Amino acid sequence: METGKRVTKRRAETRQRLLEAALTVFAEEGFGRSTVEQICDRAGYTRGAFYSNFASLDELFLVMWEQRSQELITGMRTTFGELADTEPGDVRSVVERLLPAIPLDDVWYRVSAEFTAHALRNPGLRRVMAAREEAILAAVIPYLEALLARIGRAVPDPMTLGHALIAVHDGTAVQCLMEPDNATVWQRRTDLAVQVVTAYSTGGEQ
């Protein structure tokens, strides 16, 4: 007889395989055209395995999005930790060190963009995604504030700065993914982020 611990481990492995299969299917087929059957076929499971872990494709995506959010937060915190004992320099130096910690993934962009459009037609999903975005900012912004404080810059409205940086990220992502080898496009992304951080903070080095 299997122990509860082993069953729990097997369930976690099943969920993860379904999530990985779903990401591939969503990226290939599009979120709106993907089916539970396609995901199960890709993962090697039955519909029963899917519905014992997720109530719907919407729920599966939200779990996927939560995983990505946690990976982003962990990556950002690691980067902030690496910078803790270094000289931050000026705003540009801060931005140039932090931007690489925010991944630009073609597959994830395609999937998340389609789901965002889907969520905009569903008030419940829209509220969930908005709340999770706020949670990401709340987890990361204090570290950015502390780093900017080390170069003598204060942030009067941290959440506004956070939303502005999200706008920069989202607004430049398509350009960077369309032209991944175009150094000018990536430089403009950095320049815009520098301008936003400078505009929403005061004093110290720029």
N, C-alpha and C. Protein backbone atom coordinates (compact mmCIF):
# COMPACT_ATOMS: atom_id res chain seq x y z
N MET A 1 0.85 -1.20 0.00
CA MET A 1 0.00 0.00 0.00
C MET A 1 0.88 1.25 0.00
N GLU A 2 0.55 2.24 -0.85
CA GLU A 2 1.37 3.44 -0.95
C GLU A 2 1.07 4.39 0.20
N THR A 3 2.09 5.04 0.67
CA THR A 3 1.91 6.01 1.74
C THR A 3 1.36 7.30 1.17
N GLY A 4 0.83 8.14 2.08
CA GLY A 4 0.30 9.43 1.65
C GLY A 4 1.39 10.30 1.06
N LYS A 5 2.63 10.18 1.59
CA LYS A 5 3.73 11.00 1.08
C LYS A 5 4.02 10.66 -0.37
N ARG A 6 4.04 9.32 -0.69
CA ARG A 6 4.33 8.90 -2.05
C ARG A 6 3.22 9.32 -3.00
N VAL A 7 1.98 9.20 -2.54
CA VAL A 7 0.85 9.62 -3.37
C VAL A 7 0.94 11.12 -3.66
N THR A 8 1.28 11.89 -2.63
CA THR A 8 1.40 13.33 -2.81
C THR A 8 2.50 13.67 -3.80
N LYS A 9 3.62 12.96 -3.72
CA LYS A 9 4.72 13.20 -4.65
C LYS A 9 4.29 12.85 -6.07
N ARG A 10 3.59 11.73 -6.23
CA ARG A 10 3.13 11.34 -7.55
C ARG A 10 2.15 12.35 -8.10
N ARG A 11 1.27 12.86 -7.25
CA ARG A 11 0.30 13.86 -7.70
C ARG A 11 1.02 15.13 -8.16
N ALA A 12 2.03 15.54 -7.41
CA ALA A 12 2.79 16.74 -7.79
C ALA A 12 3.47 16.54 -9.13
N GLU A 13 4.02 15.35 -9.35
CA GLU A 13 4.67 15.05 -10.62
C GLU A 13 3.67 15.06 -11.77
N THR A 14 2.47 14.52 -11.52
CA THR A 14 1.43 14.52 -12.55
C THR A 14 1.03 15.94 -12.91
N ARG A 15 0.81 16.76 -11.89
CA ARG A 15 0.45 18.15 -12.14
C ARG A 15 1.52 18.87 -12.95
N GLN A 16 2.78 18.63 -12.60
CA GLN A 16 3.86 19.33 -13.30
C GLN A 16 3.95 18.88 -14.75
N ARG A 17 3.77 17.60 -14.99
CA ARG A 17 3.80 17.11 -16.38
C ARG A 17 2.64 17.69 -17.19
N LEU A 18 1.48 17.81 -16.57
CA LEU A 18 0.34 18.42 -17.25
C LEU A 18 0.61 19.89 -17.54
N LEU A 19 1.20 20.59 -16.59
CA LEU A 19 1.52 22.00 -16.80
C LEU A 19 2.53 22.19 -17.93
N GLU A 20 3.55 21.34 -17.97
CA GLU A 20 4.55 21.44 -19.03
C GLU A 20 3.95 21.11 -20.39
N ALA A 21 3.09 20.09 -20.42
CA ALA A 21 2.44 19.73 -21.67
C ALA A 21 1.51 20.85 -22.13
N ALA A 22 0.81 21.46 -21.18
CA ALA A 22 -0.12 22.54 -21.52
C ALA A 22 0.61 23.74 -22.10
N LEU A 23 1.76 24.07 -21.56
CA LEU A 23 2.52 25.20 -22.09
C LEU A 23 2.87 24.97 -23.55
N THR A 24 3.30 23.75 -23.87
CA THR A 24 3.65 23.42 -25.25
C THR A 24 2.43 23.49 -26.16
N VAL A 25 1.33 22.91 -25.70
CA VAL A 25 0.10 22.90 -26.51
C VAL A 25 -0.43 24.32 -26.70
N PHE A 26 -0.46 25.10 -25.63
CA PHE A 26 -0.94 26.49 -25.73
C PHE A 26 -0.09 27.27 -26.73
N ALA A 27 1.22 27.07 -26.68
CA ALA A 27 2.12 27.82 -27.56
C ALA A 27 1.93 27.41 -29.02
N GLU A 28 1.67 26.12 -29.25
CA GLU A 28 1.53 25.61 -30.61
C GLU A 28 0.15 25.89 -31.20
N GLU A 29 -0.87 25.69 -30.39
CA GLU A 29 -2.25 25.75 -30.89
C GLU A 29 -2.95 27.07 -30.60
N GLY A 30 -2.49 27.78 -29.58
CA GLY A 30 -3.20 28.96 -29.11
C GLY A 30 -4.11 28.57 -27.96
N PHE A 31 -4.19 29.42 -26.94
CA PHE A 31 -4.99 29.06 -25.76
C PHE A 31 -6.44 28.76 -26.12
N GLY A 32 -7.03 29.59 -26.96
CA GLY A 32 -8.44 29.42 -27.29
C GLY A 32 -8.76 28.18 -28.08
N ARG A 33 -7.75 27.61 -28.75
CA ARG A 33 -7.98 26.41 -29.57
C ARG A 33 -7.48 25.13 -28.91
N SER A 34 -6.88 25.26 -27.76
CA SER A 34 -6.35 24.08 -27.07
C SER A 34 -7.45 23.35 -26.31
N THR A 35 -7.29 22.04 -26.19
CA THR A 35 -8.29 21.23 -25.50
C THR A 35 -7.63 20.40 -24.40
N VAL A 36 -8.45 19.94 -23.47
CA VAL A 36 -7.97 19.06 -22.41
C VAL A 36 -7.38 17.79 -23.03
N GLU A 37 -8.04 17.27 -24.08
CA GLU A 37 -7.57 16.05 -24.73
C GLU A 37 -6.16 16.22 -25.30
N GLN A 38 -5.91 17.36 -25.93
CA GLN A 38 -4.58 17.60 -26.50
C GLN A 38 -3.50 17.63 -25.41
N ILE A 39 -3.83 18.25 -24.30
CA ILE A 39 -2.87 18.34 -23.20
C ILE A 39 -2.61 16.96 -22.60
N CYS A 40 -3.67 16.20 -22.42
CA CYS A 40 -3.53 14.85 -21.86
C CYS A 40 -2.72 13.96 -22.79
N ASP A 41 -2.99 14.04 -24.09
CA ASP A 41 -2.21 13.25 -25.06
C ASP A 41 -0.74 13.61 -24.99
N ARG A 42 -0.45 14.89 -24.90
CA ARG A 42 0.95 15.34 -24.85
C ARG A 42 1.63 14.87 -23.56
N ALA A 43 0.89 14.89 -22.46
CA ALA A 43 1.47 14.50 -21.17
C ALA A 43 1.46 12.99 -20.94
N GLY A 44 0.63 12.27 -21.73
CA GLY A 44 0.52 10.82 -21.54
C GLY A 44 -0.42 10.43 -20.43
N TYR A 45 -1.45 11.25 -20.19
CA TYR A 45 -2.43 10.96 -19.14
C TYR A 45 -3.84 10.92 -19.72
N THR A 46 -4.78 10.50 -18.88
CA THR A 46 -6.18 10.47 -19.26
C THR A 46 -6.87 11.76 -18.81
N ARG A 47 -8.08 11.96 -19.31
CA ARG A 47 -8.86 13.12 -18.86
C ARG A 47 -9.09 13.07 -17.36
N GLY A 48 -9.21 11.86 -16.82
CA GLY A 48 -9.40 11.72 -15.37
C GLY A 48 -8.25 12.30 -14.59
N ALA A 49 -7.04 12.09 -15.09
CA ALA A 49 -5.86 12.64 -14.42
C ALA A 49 -5.90 14.16 -14.45
N PHE A 50 -6.35 14.70 -15.59
CA PHE A 50 -6.44 16.16 -15.69
C PHE A 50 -7.43 16.70 -14.67
N TYR A 51 -8.64 16.15 -14.67
CA TYR A 51 -9.69 16.72 -13.82
C TYR A 51 -9.53 16.38 -12.33
N SER A 52 -8.62 15.48 -12.03
CA SER A 52 -8.32 15.25 -10.61
C SER A 52 -7.33 16.29 -10.10
N ASN A 53 -6.76 17.07 -11.03
CA ASN A 53 -5.80 18.11 -10.66
C ASN A 53 -6.27 19.52 -10.96
N PHE A 54 -7.07 19.69 -12.02
CA PHE A 54 -7.52 21.02 -12.42
C PHE A 54 -9.00 20.97 -12.81
N ALA A 55 -9.73 22.00 -12.41
CA ALA A 55 -11.15 22.05 -12.74
C ALA A 55 -11.38 22.46 -14.18
N SER A 56 -10.42 23.19 -14.76
CA SER A 56 -10.60 23.73 -16.10
C SER A 56 -9.25 24.18 -16.66
N LEU A 57 -9.25 24.52 -17.94
CA LEU A 57 -8.03 25.08 -18.54
C LEU A 57 -7.69 26.43 -17.91
N ASP A 58 -8.71 27.19 -17.53
CA ASP A 58 -8.46 28.48 -16.87
C ASP A 58 -7.69 28.26 -15.57
N GLU A 59 -8.13 27.29 -14.78
CA GLU A 59 -7.45 27.03 -13.51
C GLU A 59 -6.03 26.57 -13.75
N LEU A 60 -5.84 25.71 -14.74
CA LEU A 60 -4.49 25.24 -15.06
C LEU A 60 -3.59 26.41 -15.42
N PHE A 61 -4.09 27.32 -16.25
CA PHE A 61 -3.25 28.45 -16.63
C PHE A 61 -2.91 29.31 -15.43
N LEU A 62 -3.86 29.54 -14.54
CA LEU A 62 -3.58 30.37 -13.37
C LEU A 62 -2.51 29.73 -12.48
N VAL A 63 -2.52 28.40 -12.37
CA VAL A 63 -1.47 27.72 -11.63
C VAL A 63 -0.13 27.91 -12.34
N MET A 64 -0.15 27.80 -13.67
CA MET A 64 1.05 28.01 -14.47
C MET A 64 1.58 29.43 -14.27
N TRP A 65 0.67 30.39 -14.28
CA TRP A 65 1.04 31.79 -14.12
C TRP A 65 1.61 32.05 -12.73
N GLU A 66 1.03 31.39 -11.73
CA GLU A 66 1.54 31.54 -10.37
C GLU A 66 2.96 30.99 -10.27
N GLN A 67 3.23 29.86 -10.92
CA GLN A 67 4.58 29.31 -10.93
C GLN A 67 5.56 30.30 -11.56
N ARG A 68 5.18 30.86 -12.70
CA ARG A 68 6.04 31.81 -13.38
C ARG A 68 6.27 33.05 -12.51
N SER A 69 5.23 33.48 -11.83
CA SER A 69 5.35 34.64 -10.95
C SER A 69 6.36 34.38 -9.84
N GLN A 70 6.27 33.19 -9.24
CA GLN A 70 7.19 32.85 -8.15
C GLN A 70 8.62 32.73 -8.66
N GLU A 71 8.78 32.20 -9.88
CA GLU A 71 10.12 32.12 -10.46
C GLU A 71 10.69 33.52 -10.69
N LEU A 72 9.83 34.43 -11.15
CA LEU A 72 10.28 35.80 -11.38
C LEU A 72 10.68 36.46 -10.07
N ILE A 73 9.84 36.32 -9.04
CA ILE A 73 10.14 36.92 -7.74
C ILE A 73 11.44 36.34 -7.18
N THR A 74 11.59 35.03 -7.27
CA THR A 74 12.81 34.39 -6.77
C THR A 74 14.04 34.89 -7.51
N GLY A 75 13.93 34.99 -8.84
CA GLY A 75 15.05 35.48 -9.64
C GLY A 75 15.41 36.91 -9.31
N MET A 76 14.39 37.75 -9.11
CA MET A 76 14.65 39.15 -8.77
C MET A 76 15.29 39.25 -7.39
N ARG A 77 14.79 38.49 -6.44
CA ARG A 77 15.37 38.54 -5.09
C ARG A 77 16.82 38.07 -5.10
N THR A 78 17.10 37.05 -5.91
CA THR A 78 18.47 36.57 -6.02
C THR A 78 19.38 37.66 -6.58
N THR A 79 18.88 38.36 -7.59
CA THR A 79 19.67 39.44 -8.19
C THR A 79 19.90 40.57 -7.18
N PHE A 80 18.84 40.94 -6.46
CA PHE A 80 19.00 41.98 -5.43
C PHE A 80 20.01 41.54 -4.37
N GLY A 81 19.95 40.25 -4.02
CA GLY A 81 20.90 39.74 -3.03
C GLY A 81 22.33 39.81 -3.52
N GLU A 82 22.53 39.52 -4.81
CA GLU A 82 23.87 39.58 -5.40
C GLU A 82 24.39 41.02 -5.44
N LEU A 83 23.47 41.98 -5.53
CA LEU A 83 23.86 43.38 -5.59
C LEU A 83 24.06 44.01 -4.21
N ALA A 84 23.66 43.28 -3.17
CA ALA A 84 23.66 43.85 -1.82
C ALA A 84 25.04 44.33 -1.38
N ASP A 85 26.08 43.60 -1.80
CA ASP A 85 27.43 43.94 -1.34
C ASP A 85 28.27 44.60 -2.43
N THR A 86 27.60 45.13 -3.46
CA THR A 86 28.32 45.80 -4.55
C THR A 86 27.96 47.27 -4.58
N GLU A 87 28.74 48.04 -5.27
CA GLU A 87 28.47 49.46 -5.43
C GLU A 87 27.44 49.63 -6.55
N PRO A 88 26.22 50.13 -6.24
CA PRO A 88 25.17 50.20 -7.26
C PRO A 88 25.41 51.22 -8.36
N GLY A 89 26.26 52.24 -8.11
CA GLY A 89 26.56 53.22 -9.15
C GLY A 89 25.46 54.26 -9.31
N ASP A 90 24.83 54.27 -10.49
CA ASP A 90 23.77 55.23 -10.75
C ASP A 90 22.53 54.50 -11.26
N VAL A 91 21.49 55.26 -11.66
CA VAL A 91 20.24 54.64 -12.09
C VAL A 91 20.47 53.68 -13.26
N ARG A 92 21.27 54.11 -14.23
CA ARG A 92 21.53 53.24 -15.38
C ARG A 92 22.18 51.93 -14.96
N SER A 93 23.13 52.02 -14.04
CA SER A 93 23.79 50.80 -13.57
C SER A 93 22.79 49.87 -12.90
N VAL A 94 21.89 50.43 -12.11
CA VAL A 94 20.87 49.63 -11.44
C VAL A 94 19.99 48.93 -12.48
N VAL A 95 19.51 49.70 -13.45
CA VAL A 95 18.63 49.13 -14.48
C VAL A 95 19.34 48.05 -15.27
N GLU A 96 20.58 48.31 -15.67
CA GLU A 96 21.32 47.34 -16.48
C GLU A 96 21.57 46.04 -15.73
N ARG A 97 21.64 46.12 -14.42
CA ARG A 97 21.84 44.90 -13.64
C ARG A 97 20.53 44.14 -13.40
N LEU A 98 19.43 44.88 -13.33
CA LEU A 98 18.15 44.24 -13.00
C LEU A 98 17.41 43.69 -14.22
N LEU A 99 17.48 44.35 -15.36
CA LEU A 99 16.71 43.91 -16.52
C LEU A 99 16.96 42.46 -16.91
N PRO A 100 18.20 41.98 -16.90
CA PRO A 100 18.43 40.58 -17.27
C PRO A 100 17.71 39.58 -16.36
N ALA A 101 17.32 40.01 -15.16
CA ALA A 101 16.61 39.11 -14.24
C ALA A 101 15.14 38.97 -14.60
N ILE A 102 14.68 39.78 -15.57
CA ILE A 102 13.29 39.69 -16.02
C ILE A 102 13.30 39.01 -17.38
N PRO A 103 12.99 37.71 -17.42
CA PRO A 103 13.15 36.97 -18.67
C PRO A 103 12.15 37.39 -19.74
N LEU A 104 12.62 37.37 -20.99
CA LEU A 104 11.76 37.56 -22.15
C LEU A 104 11.74 36.23 -22.90
N ASP A 105 10.62 35.54 -22.80
CA ASP A 105 10.48 34.19 -23.33
C ASP A 105 9.40 34.20 -24.41
N ASP A 106 9.79 33.87 -25.64
CA ASP A 106 8.85 33.89 -26.76
C ASP A 106 7.64 32.99 -26.51
N VAL A 107 7.88 31.77 -26.04
CA VAL A 107 6.79 30.82 -25.80
C VAL A 107 5.84 31.37 -24.74
N TRP A 108 6.40 31.82 -23.64
CA TRP A 108 5.56 32.32 -22.55
C TRP A 108 4.80 33.57 -22.96
N TYR A 109 5.44 34.43 -23.75
CA TYR A 109 4.76 35.64 -24.19
C TYR A 109 3.54 35.30 -25.02
N ARG A 110 3.69 34.37 -25.97
CA ARG A 110 2.55 33.99 -26.81
C ARG A 110 1.39 33.47 -25.97
N VAL A 111 1.71 32.60 -25.02
CA VAL A 111 0.67 31.98 -24.20
C VAL A 111 0.02 33.01 -23.28
N SER A 112 0.82 33.82 -22.60
CA SER A 112 0.27 34.77 -21.63
C SER A 112 -0.52 35.89 -22.33
N ALA A 113 -0.07 36.30 -23.52
CA ALA A 113 -0.79 37.35 -24.24
C ALA A 113 -2.19 36.86 -24.63
N GLU A 114 -2.28 35.62 -25.08
CA GLU A 114 -3.58 35.08 -25.48
C GLU A 114 -4.49 34.91 -24.27
N PHE A 115 -3.91 34.45 -23.15
CA PHE A 115 -4.74 34.27 -21.96
C PHE A 115 -5.18 35.62 -21.41
N THR A 116 -4.33 36.62 -21.49
CA THR A 116 -4.71 37.96 -21.03
C THR A 116 -5.92 38.46 -21.81
N ALA A 117 -5.90 38.26 -23.13
CA ALA A 117 -7.05 38.66 -23.95
C ALA A 117 -8.30 37.90 -23.52
N HIS A 118 -8.14 36.62 -23.21
CA HIS A 118 -9.26 35.80 -22.72
C HIS A 118 -9.77 36.33 -21.38
N ALA A 119 -8.85 36.68 -20.48
CA ALA A 119 -9.23 37.17 -19.16
C ALA A 119 -9.97 38.50 -19.23
N LEU A 120 -9.61 39.33 -20.23
CA LEU A 120 -10.28 40.62 -20.37
C LEU A 120 -11.77 40.46 -20.67
N ARG A 121 -12.16 39.30 -21.16
CA ARG A 121 -13.57 39.03 -21.43
C ARG A 121 -14.25 38.33 -20.26
N ASN A 122 -13.48 38.08 -19.19
CA ASN A 122 -14.01 37.37 -18.03
C ASN A 122 -13.66 38.16 -16.76
N PRO A 123 -14.62 38.89 -16.18
CA PRO A 123 -14.33 39.74 -15.02
C PRO A 123 -13.66 39.00 -13.86
N GLY A 124 -14.08 37.75 -13.64
CA GLY A 124 -13.49 36.99 -12.54
C GLY A 124 -12.01 36.73 -12.75
N LEU A 125 -11.65 36.29 -13.94
CA LEU A 125 -10.24 36.05 -14.25
C LEU A 125 -9.44 37.34 -14.24
N ARG A 126 -10.06 38.40 -14.73
CA ARG A 126 -9.39 39.69 -14.77
C ARG A 126 -9.01 40.13 -13.36
N ARG A 127 -9.90 39.94 -12.41
CA ARG A 127 -9.62 40.34 -11.03
C ARG A 127 -8.50 39.49 -10.44
N VAL A 128 -8.51 38.20 -10.74
CA VAL A 128 -7.47 37.31 -10.22
C VAL A 128 -6.10 37.71 -10.75
N MET A 129 -6.01 37.97 -12.05
CA MET A 129 -4.73 38.33 -12.64
C MET A 129 -4.24 39.69 -12.14
N ALA A 130 -5.15 40.64 -11.98
CA ALA A 130 -4.77 41.95 -11.46
C ALA A 130 -4.23 41.83 -10.04
N ALA A 131 -4.88 40.99 -9.22
CA ALA A 131 -4.45 40.82 -7.84
C ALA A 131 -3.07 40.17 -7.78
N ARG A 132 -2.82 39.22 -8.68
CA ARG A 132 -1.52 38.55 -8.67
C ARG A 132 -0.41 39.47 -9.15
N GLU A 133 -0.74 40.34 -10.09
CA GLU A 133 0.26 41.31 -10.55
C GLU A 133 0.62 42.26 -9.40
N GLU A 134 -0.38 42.66 -8.64
CA GLU A 134 -0.12 43.52 -7.48
C GLU A 134 0.76 42.80 -6.47
N ALA A 135 0.54 41.49 -6.32
CA ALA A 135 1.34 40.71 -5.36
C ALA A 135 2.80 40.65 -5.80
N ILE A 136 3.04 40.53 -7.11
CA ILE A 136 4.41 40.52 -7.61
C ILE A 136 5.10 41.84 -7.30
N LEU A 137 4.40 42.94 -7.58
CA LEU A 137 4.97 44.26 -7.30
C LEU A 137 5.26 44.43 -5.82
N ALA A 138 4.32 44.01 -4.99
CA ALA A 138 4.49 44.17 -3.55
C ALA A 138 5.70 43.38 -3.04
N ALA A 139 6.01 42.27 -3.70
CA ALA A 139 7.13 41.45 -3.28
C ALA A 139 8.47 42.00 -3.76
N VAL A 140 8.47 42.69 -4.90
CA VAL A 140 9.73 43.11 -5.53
C VAL A 140 10.09 44.57 -5.28
N ILE A 141 9.09 45.45 -5.27
CA ILE A 141 9.35 46.89 -5.18
C ILE A 141 10.17 47.29 -3.95
N PRO A 142 9.94 46.72 -2.76
CA PRO A 142 10.77 47.12 -1.61
C PRO A 142 12.27 46.94 -1.85
N TYR A 143 12.63 45.88 -2.59
CA TYR A 143 14.05 45.66 -2.89
C TYR A 143 14.58 46.75 -3.82
N LEU A 144 13.76 47.14 -4.80
CA LEU A 144 14.18 48.20 -5.72
C LEU A 144 14.31 49.52 -4.97
N GLU A 145 13.36 49.80 -4.08
CA GLU A 145 13.45 51.02 -3.26
C GLU A 145 14.76 51.05 -2.47
N ALA A 146 15.10 49.92 -1.86
CA ALA A 146 16.31 49.86 -1.04
C ALA A 146 17.55 50.06 -1.89
N LEU A 147 17.56 49.49 -3.09
CA LEU A 147 18.70 49.64 -3.97
C LEU A 147 18.86 51.09 -4.44
N LEU A 148 17.74 51.72 -4.79
CA LEU A 148 17.79 53.12 -5.21
C LEU A 148 18.20 54.03 -4.05
N ALA A 149 17.78 53.65 -2.85
CA ALA A 149 18.15 54.46 -1.68
C ALA A 149 19.65 54.49 -1.48
N ARG A 150 20.34 53.43 -1.90
CA ARG A 150 21.79 53.37 -1.75
C ARG A 150 22.50 54.35 -2.68
N ILE A 151 21.81 54.82 -3.72
CA ILE A 151 22.41 55.86 -4.57
C ILE A 151 21.74 57.21 -4.30
N GLY A 152 21.06 57.28 -3.15
CA GLY A 152 20.48 58.55 -2.71
C GLY A 152 19.19 58.94 -3.39
N ARG A 153 18.47 57.96 -3.98
CA ARG A 153 17.22 58.30 -4.65
C ARG A 153 16.03 57.72 -3.87
N ALA A 154 15.01 58.56 -3.67
CA ALA A 154 13.80 58.14 -2.97
C ALA A 154 12.69 57.90 -4.00
N VAL A 155 11.75 57.04 -3.62
CA VAL A 155 10.63 56.72 -4.50
C VAL A 155 9.34 57.15 -3.80
N PRO A 156 8.79 58.31 -4.17
CA PRO A 156 7.59 58.83 -3.50
C PRO A 156 6.38 57.92 -3.63
N ASP A 157 6.22 57.27 -4.78
CA ASP A 157 5.06 56.41 -5.01
C ASP A 157 5.54 55.09 -5.60
N PRO A 158 5.93 54.14 -4.76
CA PRO A 158 6.54 52.89 -5.23
C PRO A 158 5.67 52.10 -6.19
N MET A 159 4.37 51.98 -5.91
CA MET A 159 3.51 51.17 -6.77
C MET A 159 3.34 51.80 -8.14
N THR A 160 3.32 53.13 -8.20
CA THR A 160 3.23 53.79 -9.50
C THR A 160 4.49 53.51 -10.32
N LEU A 161 5.65 53.55 -9.67
CA LEU A 161 6.88 53.19 -10.35
C LEU A 161 6.80 51.75 -10.85
N GLY A 162 6.29 50.87 -10.02
CA GLY A 162 6.16 49.48 -10.41
C GLY A 162 5.29 49.30 -11.64
N HIS A 163 4.15 49.97 -11.65
CA HIS A 163 3.25 49.86 -12.80
C HIS A 163 3.89 50.47 -14.05
N ALA A 164 4.63 51.54 -13.88
CA ALA A 164 5.31 52.15 -15.02
C ALA A 164 6.36 51.21 -15.60
N LEU A 165 7.06 50.50 -14.73
CA LEU A 165 8.06 49.56 -15.21
C LEU A 165 7.42 48.35 -15.90
N ILE A 166 6.27 47.94 -15.42
CA ILE A 166 5.53 46.87 -16.11
C ILE A 166 5.14 47.32 -17.50
N ALA A 167 4.72 48.58 -17.60
CA ALA A 167 4.35 49.13 -18.91
C ALA A 167 5.55 49.13 -19.86
N VAL A 168 6.72 49.47 -19.32
CA VAL A 168 7.94 49.44 -20.14
C VAL A 168 8.22 48.01 -20.59
N HIS A 169 8.15 47.09 -19.66
CA HIS A 169 8.41 45.68 -19.99
C HIS A 169 7.45 45.18 -21.06
N ASP A 170 6.17 45.37 -20.83
CA ASP A 170 5.16 44.87 -21.77
C ASP A 170 5.27 45.57 -23.12
N GLY A 171 5.53 46.88 -23.07
CA GLY A 171 5.57 47.65 -24.30
C GLY A 171 6.77 47.36 -25.19
N THR A 172 7.87 46.93 -24.58
CA THR A 172 9.08 46.66 -25.36
C THR A 172 9.28 45.17 -25.65
N ALA A 173 8.51 44.33 -24.98
CA ALA A 173 8.70 42.88 -25.12
C ALA A 173 8.51 42.43 -26.57
N VAL A 174 7.44 42.89 -27.21
CA VAL A 174 7.17 42.45 -28.58
C VAL A 174 8.30 42.84 -29.51
N GLN A 175 8.78 44.08 -29.38
CA GLN A 175 9.87 44.53 -30.24
C GLN A 175 11.12 43.67 -30.05
N CYS A 176 11.46 43.38 -28.80
CA CYS A 176 12.65 42.58 -28.52
C CYS A 176 12.50 41.14 -29.02
N LEU A 177 11.30 40.59 -28.89
CA LEU A 177 11.08 39.22 -29.35
C LEU A 177 11.02 39.14 -30.87
N MET A 178 10.52 40.20 -31.50
CA MET A 178 10.47 40.23 -32.96
C MET A 178 11.87 40.37 -33.57
N GLU A 179 12.72 41.12 -32.88
CA GLU A 179 14.07 41.37 -33.39
C GLU A 179 15.10 41.03 -32.31
N PRO A 180 15.21 39.76 -31.96
CA PRO A 180 16.09 39.40 -30.83
C PRO A 180 17.56 39.72 -31.04
N ASP A 181 17.99 39.85 -32.29
CA ASP A 181 19.39 40.13 -32.56
C ASP A 181 19.67 41.61 -32.84
N ASN A 182 18.64 42.44 -32.67
CA ASN A 182 18.79 43.87 -32.93
C ASN A 182 19.21 44.57 -31.64
N ALA A 183 20.49 44.91 -31.55
CA ALA A 183 21.01 45.52 -30.32
C ALA A 183 20.36 46.87 -30.03
N THR A 184 19.96 47.58 -31.07
CA THR A 184 19.34 48.89 -30.88
C THR A 184 18.02 48.78 -30.14
N VAL A 185 17.24 47.77 -30.50
CA VAL A 185 15.94 47.56 -29.85
C VAL A 185 16.13 47.28 -28.36
N TRP A 186 17.12 46.46 -28.02
CA TRP A 186 17.37 46.14 -26.62
C TRP A 186 17.90 47.36 -25.86
N GLN A 187 18.70 48.16 -26.54
CA GLN A 187 19.22 49.36 -25.89
C GLN A 187 18.10 50.34 -25.60
N ARG A 188 17.15 50.46 -26.52
CA ARG A 188 16.01 51.35 -26.29
C ARG A 188 15.20 50.88 -25.08
N ARG A 189 15.09 49.58 -24.91
CA ARG A 189 14.38 49.03 -23.74
C ARG A 189 15.06 49.49 -22.46
N THR A 190 16.39 49.40 -22.44
CA THR A 190 17.14 49.84 -21.27
C THR A 190 16.99 51.34 -21.06
N ASP A 191 17.13 52.11 -22.13
CA ASP A 191 17.03 53.57 -22.03
C ASP A 191 15.67 54.00 -21.49
N LEU A 192 14.62 53.35 -21.96
CA LEU A 192 13.28 53.71 -21.51
C LEU A 192 13.10 53.39 -20.03
N ALA A 193 13.62 52.25 -19.60
CA ALA A 193 13.52 51.88 -18.18
C ALA A 193 14.28 52.88 -17.32
N VAL A 194 15.44 53.32 -17.79
CA VAL A 194 16.22 54.32 -17.05
C VAL A 194 15.42 55.61 -16.91
N GLN A 195 14.80 56.05 -17.99
CA GLN A 195 14.01 57.28 -17.95
C GLN A 195 12.84 57.16 -16.98
N VAL A 196 12.20 56.00 -16.96
CA VAL A 196 11.05 55.81 -16.07
C VAL A 196 11.49 55.81 -14.60
N VAL A 197 12.55 55.09 -14.30
CA VAL A 197 13.05 55.06 -12.90
C VAL A 197 13.47 56.47 -12.47
N THR A 198 14.12 57.20 -13.35
CA THR A 198 14.55 58.56 -13.03
C THR A 198 13.34 59.47 -12.80
N ALA A 199 12.33 59.33 -13.64
CA ALA A 199 11.15 60.18 -13.54
C ALA A 199 10.34 59.91 -12.27
N TYR A 200 10.36 58.67 -11.78
CA TYR A 200 9.54 58.32 -10.62
C TYR A 200 10.35 58.20 -9.33
N SER A 201 11.58 58.73 -9.36
CA SER A 201 12.36 58.79 -8.12
C SER A 201 13.03 60.16 -8.06
N THR A 202 13.50 60.52 -6.89
CA THR A 202 14.05 61.87 -6.70
C THR A 202 15.39 61.83 -6.00
N GLY A 203 16.26 62.84 -6.34
CA GLY A 203 17.54 63.01 -5.66
C GLY A 203 18.61 62.06 -6.12
N GLY A 204 19.81 62.22 -5.56
CA GLY A 204 20.90 61.29 -5.77
C GLY A 204 21.40 61.18 -7.19
N GLU A 205 22.10 60.04 -7.46
CA GLU A 205 22.71 59.80 -8.76
C GLU A 205 21.66 59.41 -9.78
N GLN A 206 21.86 59.93 -11.01
CA GLN A 206 20.99 59.54 -12.10
C GLN A 206 21.75 58.71 -13.13
